[in-house]
C-alpha cells in the first residue's frame, strides 16, 4: 500500500476534498435564497441554526488552527509522529469558513426578517452557552502548559457532538 504522502494519494485526496467542499457548500444557498425571496424565516428551525452556527465555528477553530499554526502542527507531529499527515487540508478550512459565513447570513436573516412567533428554545440556548463556557474553561486549562492541540481537539469534539 502507498504511504499517505505519495503523489497519487495526495492528488486523490485534494480532488475528493474539493469535490466534497463544493457538494456541501452548495447546500446552504437554497435556504438563504428562500429566506431572501420571502423576507421571512417562518418555518425555519431557529434552534438548528444556532446549534449549527456553534458547530461550524468550532469546526473552523479546529481546522484553521491545525492548518495554519506551526505550534499546533509541531504538537501534532510530536504526538502522532513526524511521518503522519496533518488531517486538515485547505478545502477543510475553506468549507468551515464558508459554513460560518452562510450561518452568519442566515442568523442575520433571522434577526431582520419576519419569524412569526418563533424564538430560540431555552434548551438550544443552554446547549450553546454550555459549549462556549466549556471551551472558555478549557482555554484557561490549556493556557499554562500551552496544550493547544488538546484545546483544539475540544473544539473538534464540540463540532462532532453538535
N, C-alpha and C. Protein backbone atom coordinates (compact mmCIF):
# COMPACT_ATOMS: atom_id res chain seq x y z
N UNK A 1 0.83 -1.18 0.00
CA UNK A 1 0.00 0.00 0.00
C UNK A 1 0.88 1.25 0.00
N UNK A 2 0.45 2.26 -0.70
CA UNK A 2 1.22 3.50 -0.81
C UNK A 2 1.15 4.29 0.48
N UNK A 3 2.24 4.97 0.84
CA UNK A 3 2.18 5.83 2.01
C UNK A 3 1.30 7.04 1.71
N UNK A 4 0.78 7.66 2.76
CA UNK A 4 -0.12 8.81 2.60
C UNK A 4 0.54 9.98 1.89
N UNK A 5 1.83 10.08 1.99
CA UNK A 5 2.49 11.22 1.36
C UNK A 5 2.91 10.93 -0.08
N UNK A 6 2.36 9.87 -0.68
CA UNK A 6 2.66 9.60 -2.08
C UNK A 6 1.88 10.57 -2.96
N UNK A 7 2.45 10.89 -4.11
CA UNK A 7 1.84 11.87 -5.01
C UNK A 7 0.43 11.47 -5.47
N UNK A 8 0.22 10.21 -5.91
CA UNK A 8 -1.13 9.84 -6.38
C UNK A 8 -2.19 9.99 -5.28
N UNK A 9 -1.86 9.59 -4.08
CA UNK A 9 -2.84 9.72 -2.99
C UNK A 9 -3.07 11.19 -2.62
N UNK A 10 -2.05 12.01 -2.72
CA UNK A 10 -2.24 13.44 -2.45
C UNK A 10 -3.18 14.05 -3.48
N UNK A 11 -3.05 13.67 -4.74
CA UNK A 11 -3.92 14.19 -5.79
C UNK A 11 -5.36 13.74 -5.54
N UNK A 12 -5.55 12.46 -5.27
CA UNK A 12 -6.90 11.94 -4.98
C UNK A 12 -7.49 12.64 -3.76
N UNK A 13 -6.69 12.79 -2.73
CA UNK A 13 -7.12 13.47 -1.50
C UNK A 13 -7.57 14.90 -1.79
N UNK A 14 -6.81 15.62 -2.59
CA UNK A 14 -7.16 17.01 -2.93
C UNK A 14 -8.42 17.07 -3.79
N UNK A 15 -8.49 16.24 -4.81
CA UNK A 15 -9.65 16.26 -5.71
C UNK A 15 -10.93 15.92 -4.95
N UNK A 16 -10.89 14.84 -4.19
CA UNK A 16 -12.08 14.46 -3.42
C UNK A 16 -12.43 15.50 -2.36
N UNK A 17 -11.43 16.09 -1.76
CA UNK A 17 -11.67 17.12 -0.75
C UNK A 17 -12.37 18.34 -1.32
N UNK A 18 -11.92 18.79 -2.49
CA UNK A 18 -12.55 19.96 -3.11
C UNK A 18 -13.93 19.63 -3.67
N UNK A 19 -14.12 18.40 -4.14
CA UNK A 19 -15.46 17.99 -4.57
C UNK A 19 -16.43 17.96 -3.39
N UNK A 20 -15.95 17.47 -2.26
CA UNK A 20 -16.78 17.47 -1.05
C UNK A 20 -17.09 18.90 -0.62
N UNK A 21 -16.11 19.78 -0.70
CA UNK A 21 -16.33 21.20 -0.37
C UNK A 21 -17.45 21.77 -1.23
N UNK A 22 -17.37 21.55 -2.54
CA UNK A 22 -18.40 22.07 -3.45
C UNK A 22 -19.76 21.47 -3.15
N UNK A 23 -19.81 20.17 -2.93
CA UNK A 23 -21.07 19.49 -2.67
C UNK A 23 -21.75 20.00 -1.40
N UNK A 24 -20.99 20.09 -0.33
CA UNK A 24 -21.55 20.53 0.94
C UNK A 24 -21.86 22.03 0.94
N UNK A 25 -21.04 22.80 0.27
CA UNK A 25 -21.23 24.26 0.29
C UNK A 25 -22.48 24.69 -0.46
N UNK A 26 -22.80 24.02 -1.55
CA UNK A 26 -23.98 24.37 -2.33
C UNK A 26 -25.25 24.23 -1.49
N UNK A 27 -25.24 23.33 -0.53
CA UNK A 27 -26.42 23.07 0.28
C UNK A 27 -26.92 24.23 1.10
N UNK A 28 -26.09 25.21 1.39
CA UNK A 28 -26.53 26.34 2.21
C UNK A 28 -27.29 27.41 1.47
N UNK A 29 -27.09 27.46 0.18
CA UNK A 29 -27.66 28.57 -0.60
C UNK A 29 -29.18 28.53 -0.77
N UNK A 30 -29.81 27.38 -0.97
CA UNK A 30 -31.27 27.41 -1.14
C UNK A 30 -32.01 28.07 0.03
N UNK A 31 -31.56 27.81 1.26
CA UNK A 31 -32.24 28.42 2.42
C UNK A 31 -32.04 29.93 2.44
N UNK A 32 -30.84 30.39 2.15
CA UNK A 32 -30.56 31.83 2.12
C UNK A 32 -31.43 32.50 1.06
N UNK A 33 -31.51 31.88 -0.12
CA UNK A 33 -32.30 32.44 -1.22
C UNK A 33 -33.79 32.44 -0.88
N UNK A 34 -34.29 31.33 -0.31
CA UNK A 34 -35.70 31.25 0.08
C UNK A 34 -36.05 32.32 1.11
N UNK A 35 -35.22 32.46 2.12
CA UNK A 35 -35.47 33.49 3.14
C UNK A 35 -35.49 34.88 2.51
N UNK A 36 -34.55 35.13 1.61
CA UNK A 36 -34.46 36.44 0.96
C UNK A 36 -35.70 36.72 0.11
N UNK A 37 -36.12 35.75 -0.66
CA UNK A 37 -37.29 35.94 -1.53
C UNK A 37 -38.57 36.16 -0.71
N UNK A 38 -38.72 35.41 0.36
CA UNK A 38 -39.93 35.53 1.18
C UNK A 38 -39.86 36.65 2.20
N UNK A 39 -38.63 37.14 2.46
CA UNK A 39 -38.42 38.12 3.54
C UNK A 39 -39.01 37.58 4.85
N UNK A 40 -38.81 36.29 5.04
CA UNK A 40 -39.37 35.60 6.19
C UNK A 40 -38.53 34.36 6.50
N UNK A 41 -38.46 34.01 7.77
CA UNK A 41 -37.82 32.76 8.19
C UNK A 41 -38.82 31.86 8.90
N UNK A 42 -40.11 32.16 8.74
CA UNK A 42 -41.16 31.34 9.35
C UNK A 42 -41.02 29.92 8.82
N UNK A 43 -40.99 28.97 9.73
CA UNK A 43 -40.83 27.56 9.37
C UNK A 43 -39.40 27.06 9.48
N UNK A 44 -38.45 27.97 9.53
CA UNK A 44 -37.04 27.60 9.69
C UNK A 44 -36.80 27.24 11.16
N UNK A 45 -36.06 26.19 11.41
CA UNK A 45 -35.74 25.81 12.78
C UNK A 45 -34.65 26.74 13.32
N UNK A 46 -35.05 27.65 14.19
CA UNK A 46 -34.08 28.58 14.76
C UNK A 46 -33.07 27.85 15.64
N UNK A 47 -33.55 26.84 16.35
CA UNK A 47 -32.63 26.06 17.20
C UNK A 47 -31.56 25.38 16.36
N UNK A 48 -31.96 24.80 15.23
CA UNK A 48 -30.99 24.18 14.34
C UNK A 48 -29.93 25.18 13.91
N UNK A 49 -30.35 26.38 13.57
CA UNK A 49 -29.41 27.39 13.07
C UNK A 49 -28.41 27.82 14.14
N UNK A 50 -28.87 28.02 15.37
CA UNK A 50 -27.92 28.46 16.41
C UNK A 50 -26.97 27.31 16.80
N UNK A 51 -27.49 26.08 16.80
CA UNK A 51 -26.63 24.93 17.09
C UNK A 51 -25.64 24.70 15.93
N UNK A 52 -26.12 24.85 14.72
CA UNK A 52 -25.27 24.69 13.55
C UNK A 52 -24.18 25.76 13.51
N UNK A 53 -24.52 26.96 13.91
CA UNK A 53 -23.55 28.04 13.97
C UNK A 53 -22.41 27.70 14.94
N UNK A 54 -22.77 27.21 16.11
CA UNK A 54 -21.76 26.81 17.10
C UNK A 54 -20.92 25.65 16.58
N UNK A 55 -21.58 24.71 15.94
CA UNK A 55 -20.88 23.56 15.37
C UNK A 55 -19.85 24.01 14.34
N UNK A 56 -20.25 24.88 13.42
CA UNK A 56 -19.33 25.29 12.36
C UNK A 56 -18.23 26.23 12.87
N UNK A 57 -18.52 27.05 13.85
CA UNK A 57 -17.46 27.87 14.45
C UNK A 57 -16.41 26.97 15.11
N UNK A 58 -16.89 25.96 15.82
CA UNK A 58 -15.96 25.03 16.48
C UNK A 58 -15.11 24.30 15.45
N UNK A 59 -15.75 23.89 14.36
CA UNK A 59 -15.04 23.20 13.29
C UNK A 59 -14.02 24.13 12.63
N UNK A 60 -14.38 25.39 12.44
CA UNK A 60 -13.45 26.36 11.86
C UNK A 60 -12.25 26.59 12.78
N UNK A 61 -12.49 26.72 14.06
CA UNK A 61 -11.38 26.93 15.01
C UNK A 61 -10.41 25.75 14.94
N UNK A 62 -10.96 24.54 14.92
CA UNK A 62 -10.11 23.35 14.82
C UNK A 62 -9.33 23.34 13.51
N UNK A 63 -10.04 23.49 12.40
CA UNK A 63 -9.39 23.40 11.08
C UNK A 63 -8.35 24.50 10.87
N UNK A 64 -8.73 25.74 11.13
CA UNK A 64 -7.81 26.85 10.89
C UNK A 64 -6.59 26.77 11.81
N UNK A 65 -6.82 26.39 13.05
CA UNK A 65 -5.70 26.29 14.00
C UNK A 65 -4.71 25.21 13.58
N UNK A 66 -5.21 24.04 13.23
CA UNK A 66 -4.31 22.95 12.86
C UNK A 66 -3.67 23.20 11.50
N UNK A 67 -4.37 23.86 10.60
CA UNK A 67 -3.83 24.11 9.26
C UNK A 67 -2.79 25.22 9.24
N UNK A 68 -3.01 26.30 10.01
CA UNK A 68 -2.15 27.48 9.93
C UNK A 68 -1.10 27.60 11.04
N UNK A 69 -1.31 26.97 12.18
CA UNK A 69 -0.41 27.19 13.31
C UNK A 69 0.76 26.21 13.33
N UNK A 70 1.98 26.71 13.14
CA UNK A 70 3.15 25.83 13.23
C UNK A 70 3.30 25.22 14.63
N UNK A 71 2.90 25.95 15.65
CA UNK A 71 2.99 25.45 17.02
C UNK A 71 2.10 24.23 17.21
N UNK A 72 0.87 24.33 16.73
CA UNK A 72 -0.07 23.21 16.88
C UNK A 72 0.36 22.05 15.98
N UNK A 73 0.86 22.34 14.81
CA UNK A 73 1.35 21.28 13.93
C UNK A 73 2.52 20.55 14.59
N UNK A 74 3.40 21.28 15.23
CA UNK A 74 4.52 20.65 15.93
C UNK A 74 4.01 19.73 17.05
N UNK A 75 3.02 20.20 17.80
CA UNK A 75 2.43 19.37 18.85
C UNK A 75 1.78 18.12 18.26
N UNK A 76 1.15 18.29 17.10
CA UNK A 76 0.53 17.15 16.42
C UNK A 76 1.59 16.12 16.04
N UNK A 77 2.67 16.58 15.42
CA UNK A 77 3.73 15.66 15.00
C UNK A 77 4.40 14.99 16.20
N UNK A 78 4.58 15.74 17.28
CA UNK A 78 5.17 15.16 18.48
C UNK A 78 4.28 14.05 19.05
N UNK A 79 2.99 14.23 18.94
CA UNK A 79 2.06 13.23 19.49
C UNK A 79 1.87 12.04 18.56
N UNK A 80 1.74 12.29 17.25
CA UNK A 80 1.39 11.23 16.31
C UNK A 80 2.53 10.77 15.41
N UNK A 81 3.65 11.48 15.44
CA UNK A 81 4.80 11.09 14.62
C UNK A 81 4.99 12.03 13.44
N UNK A 82 6.24 12.28 13.13
CA UNK A 82 6.56 13.23 12.06
C UNK A 82 6.25 12.70 10.67
N UNK A 83 6.03 11.40 10.53
CA UNK A 83 5.69 10.83 9.24
C UNK A 83 4.21 10.95 8.91
N UNK A 84 3.44 11.40 9.88
CA UNK A 84 1.99 11.49 9.68
C UNK A 84 1.60 12.74 8.91
N UNK A 85 0.47 12.65 8.25
CA UNK A 85 -0.06 13.77 7.50
C UNK A 85 -1.01 14.57 8.42
N UNK A 86 -0.93 15.89 8.36
CA UNK A 86 -1.87 16.73 9.11
C UNK A 86 -3.28 16.43 8.57
N UNK A 87 -4.25 16.12 9.43
CA UNK A 87 -5.56 15.68 8.95
C UNK A 87 -6.49 16.82 8.51
N UNK A 88 -5.94 17.98 8.23
CA UNK A 88 -6.73 19.12 7.77
C UNK A 88 -6.09 19.65 6.49
N UNK A 89 -6.91 19.82 5.47
CA UNK A 89 -6.43 20.36 4.19
C UNK A 89 -7.07 21.72 3.95
N UNK A 90 -6.60 22.40 2.93
CA UNK A 90 -7.13 23.73 2.60
C UNK A 90 -8.63 23.69 2.35
N UNK A 91 -9.13 22.62 1.73
CA UNK A 91 -10.56 22.53 1.48
C UNK A 91 -11.37 22.44 2.77
N UNK A 92 -10.79 21.86 3.82
CA UNK A 92 -11.47 21.80 5.12
C UNK A 92 -11.62 23.20 5.71
N UNK A 93 -10.54 23.98 5.62
CA UNK A 93 -10.59 25.36 6.11
C UNK A 93 -11.57 26.18 5.28
N UNK A 94 -11.54 25.99 3.97
CA UNK A 94 -12.46 26.72 3.09
C UNK A 94 -13.91 26.35 3.40
N UNK A 95 -14.19 25.07 3.59
CA UNK A 95 -15.57 24.65 3.90
C UNK A 95 -16.05 25.24 5.21
N UNK A 96 -15.24 25.12 6.25
CA UNK A 96 -15.70 25.61 7.55
C UNK A 96 -15.84 27.13 7.55
N UNK A 97 -14.97 27.84 6.84
CA UNK A 97 -15.11 29.30 6.71
C UNK A 97 -16.39 29.63 5.96
N UNK A 98 -16.63 28.96 4.86
CA UNK A 98 -17.84 29.17 4.08
C UNK A 98 -19.10 28.89 4.92
N UNK A 99 -19.07 27.81 5.68
CA UNK A 99 -20.23 27.45 6.51
C UNK A 99 -20.52 28.50 7.57
N UNK A 100 -19.48 29.03 8.18
CA UNK A 100 -19.68 30.09 9.18
C UNK A 100 -20.29 31.32 8.52
N UNK A 101 -19.82 31.67 7.33
CA UNK A 101 -20.37 32.83 6.62
C UNK A 101 -21.85 32.61 6.28
N UNK A 102 -22.19 31.42 5.77
CA UNK A 102 -23.59 31.11 5.45
C UNK A 102 -24.44 31.17 6.72
N UNK A 103 -23.92 30.62 7.82
CA UNK A 103 -24.66 30.68 9.08
C UNK A 103 -24.84 32.11 9.57
N UNK A 104 -23.83 32.94 9.39
CA UNK A 104 -23.97 34.36 9.76
C UNK A 104 -25.05 35.04 8.93
N UNK A 105 -25.10 34.72 7.65
CA UNK A 105 -26.13 35.30 6.78
C UNK A 105 -27.52 34.86 7.25
N UNK A 106 -27.67 33.57 7.52
CA UNK A 106 -28.98 33.07 7.96
C UNK A 106 -29.36 33.65 9.32
N UNK A 107 -28.40 33.75 10.24
CA UNK A 107 -28.71 34.36 11.54
C UNK A 107 -29.08 35.83 11.39
N UNK A 108 -28.45 36.53 10.46
CA UNK A 108 -28.85 37.93 10.23
C UNK A 108 -30.25 37.98 9.61
N UNK A 109 -30.58 37.01 8.78
CA UNK A 109 -31.94 36.95 8.23
C UNK A 109 -32.95 36.69 9.34
N UNK A 110 -32.58 35.85 10.29
CA UNK A 110 -33.47 35.59 11.44
C UNK A 110 -33.71 36.88 12.21
N UNK A 111 -32.66 37.70 12.32
CA UNK A 111 -32.78 38.95 13.08
C UNK A 111 -33.63 39.99 12.35
N UNK A 112 -33.59 40.02 11.03
CA UNK A 112 -34.27 41.12 10.32
C UNK A 112 -35.58 40.73 9.63
N UNK A 113 -35.77 39.45 9.34
CA UNK A 113 -36.98 39.05 8.61
C UNK A 113 -38.08 38.59 9.57
N UNK A 114 -39.26 38.51 9.03
CA UNK A 114 -40.43 38.02 9.77
C UNK A 114 -40.16 36.59 10.25
N UNK A 115 -40.42 36.34 11.52
CA UNK A 115 -40.25 34.98 12.04
C UNK A 115 -41.46 34.50 12.80
N UNK A 116 -42.54 35.26 12.74
CA UNK A 116 -43.76 34.86 13.43
C UNK A 116 -43.52 34.81 14.92
N UNK A 117 -44.04 33.79 15.54
CA UNK A 117 -43.88 33.65 17.00
C UNK A 117 -42.68 32.77 17.36
N UNK A 118 -41.88 32.42 16.36
CA UNK A 118 -40.73 31.55 16.61
C UNK A 118 -39.67 32.28 17.41
N UNK A 119 -39.02 31.52 18.29
CA UNK A 119 -37.88 32.03 19.04
C UNK A 119 -36.96 30.85 19.37
N UNK A 120 -35.77 31.18 19.79
CA UNK A 120 -34.83 30.14 20.19
C UNK A 120 -35.33 29.50 21.47
N UNK A 121 -35.22 28.18 21.55
CA UNK A 121 -35.66 27.50 22.77
C UNK A 121 -34.62 27.68 23.87
N UNK A 122 -35.08 27.54 25.08
CA UNK A 122 -34.18 27.63 26.23
C UNK A 122 -33.15 26.50 26.18
N UNK A 123 -33.54 25.35 25.66
CA UNK A 123 -32.62 24.22 25.57
C UNK A 123 -31.48 24.49 24.61
N UNK A 124 -31.81 25.04 23.45
CA UNK A 124 -30.76 25.36 22.46
C UNK A 124 -29.82 26.42 23.02
N UNK A 125 -30.37 27.43 23.66
CA UNK A 125 -29.55 28.48 24.26
C UNK A 125 -28.65 27.88 25.35
N UNK A 126 -29.20 26.97 26.14
CA UNK A 126 -28.42 26.34 27.20
C UNK A 126 -27.29 25.49 26.63
N UNK A 127 -27.57 24.76 25.56
CA UNK A 127 -26.54 23.92 24.93
C UNK A 127 -25.42 24.79 24.38
N UNK A 128 -25.79 25.85 23.68
CA UNK A 128 -24.78 26.75 23.10
C UNK A 128 -23.96 27.42 24.20
N UNK A 129 -24.63 27.91 25.23
CA UNK A 129 -23.93 28.56 26.34
C UNK A 129 -22.98 27.58 27.03
N UNK A 130 -23.43 26.36 27.23
CA UNK A 130 -22.59 25.34 27.86
C UNK A 130 -21.38 25.02 27.00
N UNK A 131 -21.59 24.90 25.69
CA UNK A 131 -20.47 24.60 24.78
C UNK A 131 -19.42 25.69 24.83
N UNK A 132 -19.84 26.96 24.75
CA UNK A 132 -18.87 28.06 24.73
C UNK A 132 -18.25 28.29 26.11
N UNK A 133 -19.01 28.09 27.17
CA UNK A 133 -18.44 28.21 28.51
C UNK A 133 -17.39 27.12 28.73
N UNK A 134 -17.71 25.90 28.30
CA UNK A 134 -16.76 24.79 28.44
C UNK A 134 -15.49 25.06 27.63
N UNK A 135 -15.65 25.60 26.43
CA UNK A 135 -14.47 25.93 25.61
C UNK A 135 -13.62 26.99 26.30
N UNK A 136 -14.27 27.98 26.92
CA UNK A 136 -13.52 29.02 27.64
C UNK A 136 -12.76 28.42 28.82
N UNK A 137 -13.39 27.54 29.57
CA UNK A 137 -12.72 26.88 30.69
C UNK A 137 -11.53 26.08 30.18
N UNK A 138 -11.73 25.34 29.09
CA UNK A 138 -10.64 24.55 28.52
C UNK A 138 -9.49 25.43 28.04
N UNK A 139 -9.83 26.62 27.53
CA UNK A 139 -8.77 27.55 27.12
C UNK A 139 -7.88 27.89 28.31
N UNK A 140 -8.49 28.18 29.45
CA UNK A 140 -7.70 28.55 30.63
C UNK A 140 -6.96 27.36 31.23
N UNK A 141 -7.47 26.17 30.99
CA UNK A 141 -6.74 24.96 31.41
C UNK A 141 -5.52 24.76 30.52
N UNK A 142 -5.69 24.99 29.22
CA UNK A 142 -4.60 24.78 28.25
C UNK A 142 -3.54 25.86 28.31
N UNK A 143 -3.91 27.04 28.77
CA UNK A 143 -3.01 28.20 28.71
C UNK A 143 -1.68 28.01 29.44
N UNK A 144 -1.66 27.56 30.69
CA UNK A 144 -0.36 27.45 31.37
C UNK A 144 0.62 26.48 30.69
N UNK A 145 0.12 25.36 30.20
CA UNK A 145 1.00 24.38 29.57
C UNK A 145 1.06 24.52 28.05
N UNK A 146 0.29 25.45 27.53
CA UNK A 146 0.19 25.70 26.09
C UNK A 146 -0.15 24.41 25.33
N UNK A 147 -1.13 23.71 25.84
CA UNK A 147 -1.60 22.46 25.24
C UNK A 147 -2.63 22.78 24.16
N UNK A 148 -2.15 23.42 23.10
CA UNK A 148 -3.07 23.91 22.06
C UNK A 148 -3.70 22.78 21.26
N UNK A 149 -2.96 21.72 21.04
CA UNK A 149 -3.53 20.58 20.32
C UNK A 149 -4.69 19.98 21.12
N UNK A 150 -4.51 19.87 22.42
CA UNK A 150 -5.59 19.38 23.27
C UNK A 150 -6.78 20.32 23.19
N UNK A 151 -6.52 21.62 23.24
CA UNK A 151 -7.61 22.60 23.21
C UNK A 151 -8.39 22.51 21.90
N UNK A 152 -7.71 22.46 20.78
CA UNK A 152 -8.47 22.41 19.52
C UNK A 152 -9.18 21.07 19.36
N UNK A 153 -8.66 20.02 20.02
CA UNK A 153 -9.39 18.74 19.98
C UNK A 153 -10.72 18.87 20.72
N UNK A 154 -10.79 19.75 21.70
CA UNK A 154 -12.07 20.03 22.38
C UNK A 154 -13.04 20.66 21.39
N UNK A 155 -12.57 21.60 20.59
CA UNK A 155 -13.43 22.22 19.58
C UNK A 155 -13.89 21.18 18.55
N UNK A 156 -13.01 20.27 18.20
CA UNK A 156 -13.38 19.19 17.28
C UNK A 156 -14.48 18.33 17.89
N UNK A 157 -14.36 18.04 19.18
CA UNK A 157 -15.39 17.24 19.86
C UNK A 157 -16.73 17.98 19.91
N UNK A 158 -16.67 19.29 20.16
CA UNK A 158 -17.91 20.08 20.17
C UNK A 158 -18.57 20.02 18.80
N UNK A 159 -17.80 20.20 17.75
CA UNK A 159 -18.38 20.15 16.40
C UNK A 159 -18.94 18.77 16.09
N UNK A 160 -18.29 17.73 16.57
CA UNK A 160 -18.78 16.37 16.34
C UNK A 160 -20.06 16.11 17.12
N UNK A 161 -20.11 16.57 18.36
CA UNK A 161 -21.29 16.33 19.19
C UNK A 161 -22.52 17.10 18.69
N UNK A 162 -22.28 18.27 18.14
CA UNK A 162 -23.42 19.06 17.65
C UNK A 162 -23.81 18.61 16.25
